[in-house]
Amino acid sequence: MPCSWECEESAEIARQRYRIMKENGYEQEADWINQWLSQSMVWSGYHGQAHIQNSHCTAKVNSSCYLDEKVVKWKGDYEVLER
């Protein structure tokens, strides 16, 4: 996750990686990632675990240890990689 949803530096890192993938023969995979990121998602973190959920699956990963649950809802349809 970026340091902020408005962080231009994080967005630029994502754009650079997107371009590198496309330049090195992974254009289809880069487009899949862009499509995946444009979906709505919910991230929730609590007691060192985060759940990331979209319409296809739920993933569980390690996270910071929050005493209270933190929730981020991403509405999707944001083309940060195409600028």
Protein backbone atom coordinates (compact mmCIF):
# COMPACT_ATOMS: atom_id res chain seq x y z
CA MET A 1 0.00 0.00 0.00
CA PRO A 2 1.25 3.49 -0.71
CA CYS A 3 2.01 5.92 2.08
CA SER A 4 -1.02 7.92 0.94
CA TRP A 5 -3.64 7.57 -1.80
CA GLU A 6 -2.48 10.98 -3.06
CA CYS A 7 1.25 10.11 -2.97
CA GLU A 8 2.63 11.01 -6.39
CA GLU A 9 5.95 9.27 -5.68
CA SER A 10 4.18 5.94 -5.04
CA ALA A 11 2.15 6.42 -8.22
CA GLU A 12 5.33 7.14 -10.19
CA ILE A 13 6.96 3.95 -8.88
CA ALA A 14 3.89 1.99 -10.05
CA ARG A 15 4.02 3.65 -13.49
CA GLN A 16 7.74 2.87 -13.85
CA ARG A 17 7.21 -0.79 -12.98
CA TYR A 18 4.27 -0.95 -15.38
CA ARG A 19 6.43 0.45 -18.20
CA ILE A 20 9.30 -1.94 -17.37
CA MET A 21 6.96 -4.92 -17.55
CA LYS A 22 5.60 -3.82 -20.93
CA GLU A 23 9.09 -3.12 -22.31
CA ASN A 24 10.31 -6.58 -21.28
CA GLY A 25 7.65 -8.69 -22.92
CA TYR A 26 5.06 -8.76 -20.13
CA GLU A 27 2.48 -6.47 -21.73
CA GLN A 28 -0.44 -8.84 -21.18
CA GLU A 29 0.52 -9.43 -17.54
CA ALA A 30 0.94 -5.66 -16.99
CA ASP A 31 -2.55 -5.11 -18.38
CA TRP A 32 -3.93 -7.85 -16.10
CA ILE A 33 -2.41 -6.09 -13.08
CA ASN A 34 -3.91 -2.79 -14.22
CA GLN A 35 -7.34 -4.43 -14.59
CA TRP A 36 -6.99 -6.09 -11.18
CA LEU A 37 -6.08 -2.78 -9.50
CA SER A 38 -8.99 -0.97 -11.15
CA GLN A 39 -11.50 -3.17 -9.30
CA SER A 40 -13.08 -2.16 -6.04
CA MET A 41 -11.34 -3.70 -3.00
CA VAL A 42 -11.47 -3.64 0.78
CA TRP A 43 -8.34 -3.81 2.94
CA SER A 44 -8.73 -4.38 6.67
CA GLY A 45 -5.95 -4.73 9.22
CA TYR A 46 -6.17 -5.93 12.81
CA HIS A 47 -3.72 -7.63 15.22
CA GLY A 48 -0.95 -8.05 12.63
CA GLN A 49 -3.14 -9.53 9.89
CA ALA A 50 -4.59 -7.83 6.84
CA HIS A 51 -7.40 -9.11 4.63
CA ILE A 52 -7.63 -7.84 1.08
CA GLN A 53 -10.91 -8.64 -0.63
CA ASN A 54 -12.29 -8.05 -4.12
CA SER A 55 -14.94 -9.76 -6.22
CA HIS A 56 -12.62 -12.71 -7.01
CA CYS A 57 -10.93 -13.64 -3.75
CA THR A 58 -9.81 -12.75 -0.25
CA ALA A 59 -6.12 -12.71 0.60
CA LYS A 60 -4.61 -12.78 4.07
CA VAL A 61 -1.17 -11.24 4.66
CA ASN A 62 0.93 -9.98 7.56
CA SER A 63 0.45 -6.34 8.46
CA SER A 64 1.21 -3.81 11.15
CA CYS A 65 -0.23 -4.69 14.53
CA TYR A 66 -3.22 -2.41 15.07
CA LEU A 67 -5.15 -2.59 18.33
CA ASP A 68 -8.28 -1.34 16.57
CA GLU A 69 -9.35 -2.54 13.14
CA LYS A 70 -8.34 -0.27 10.25
CA VAL A 71 -10.38 -0.43 7.03
CA VAL A 72 -9.65 1.07 3.61
CA LYS A 73 -12.28 0.82 0.88
CA TRP A 74 -11.03 1.32 -2.68
CA LYS A 75 -13.78 2.18 -5.17
CA GLY A 76 -11.67 1.19 -8.19
CA ASP A 77 -11.74 2.61 -11.72
CA TYR A 78 -8.55 4.61 -11.17
CA GLU A 79 -6.09 4.48 -14.05
CA VAL A 80 -2.93 5.44 -12.19
CA LEU A 81 -0.74 3.29 -14.46
CA GLU A 82 -1.90 4.78 -17.75
CA ARG A 83 -0.71 8.37 -17.26
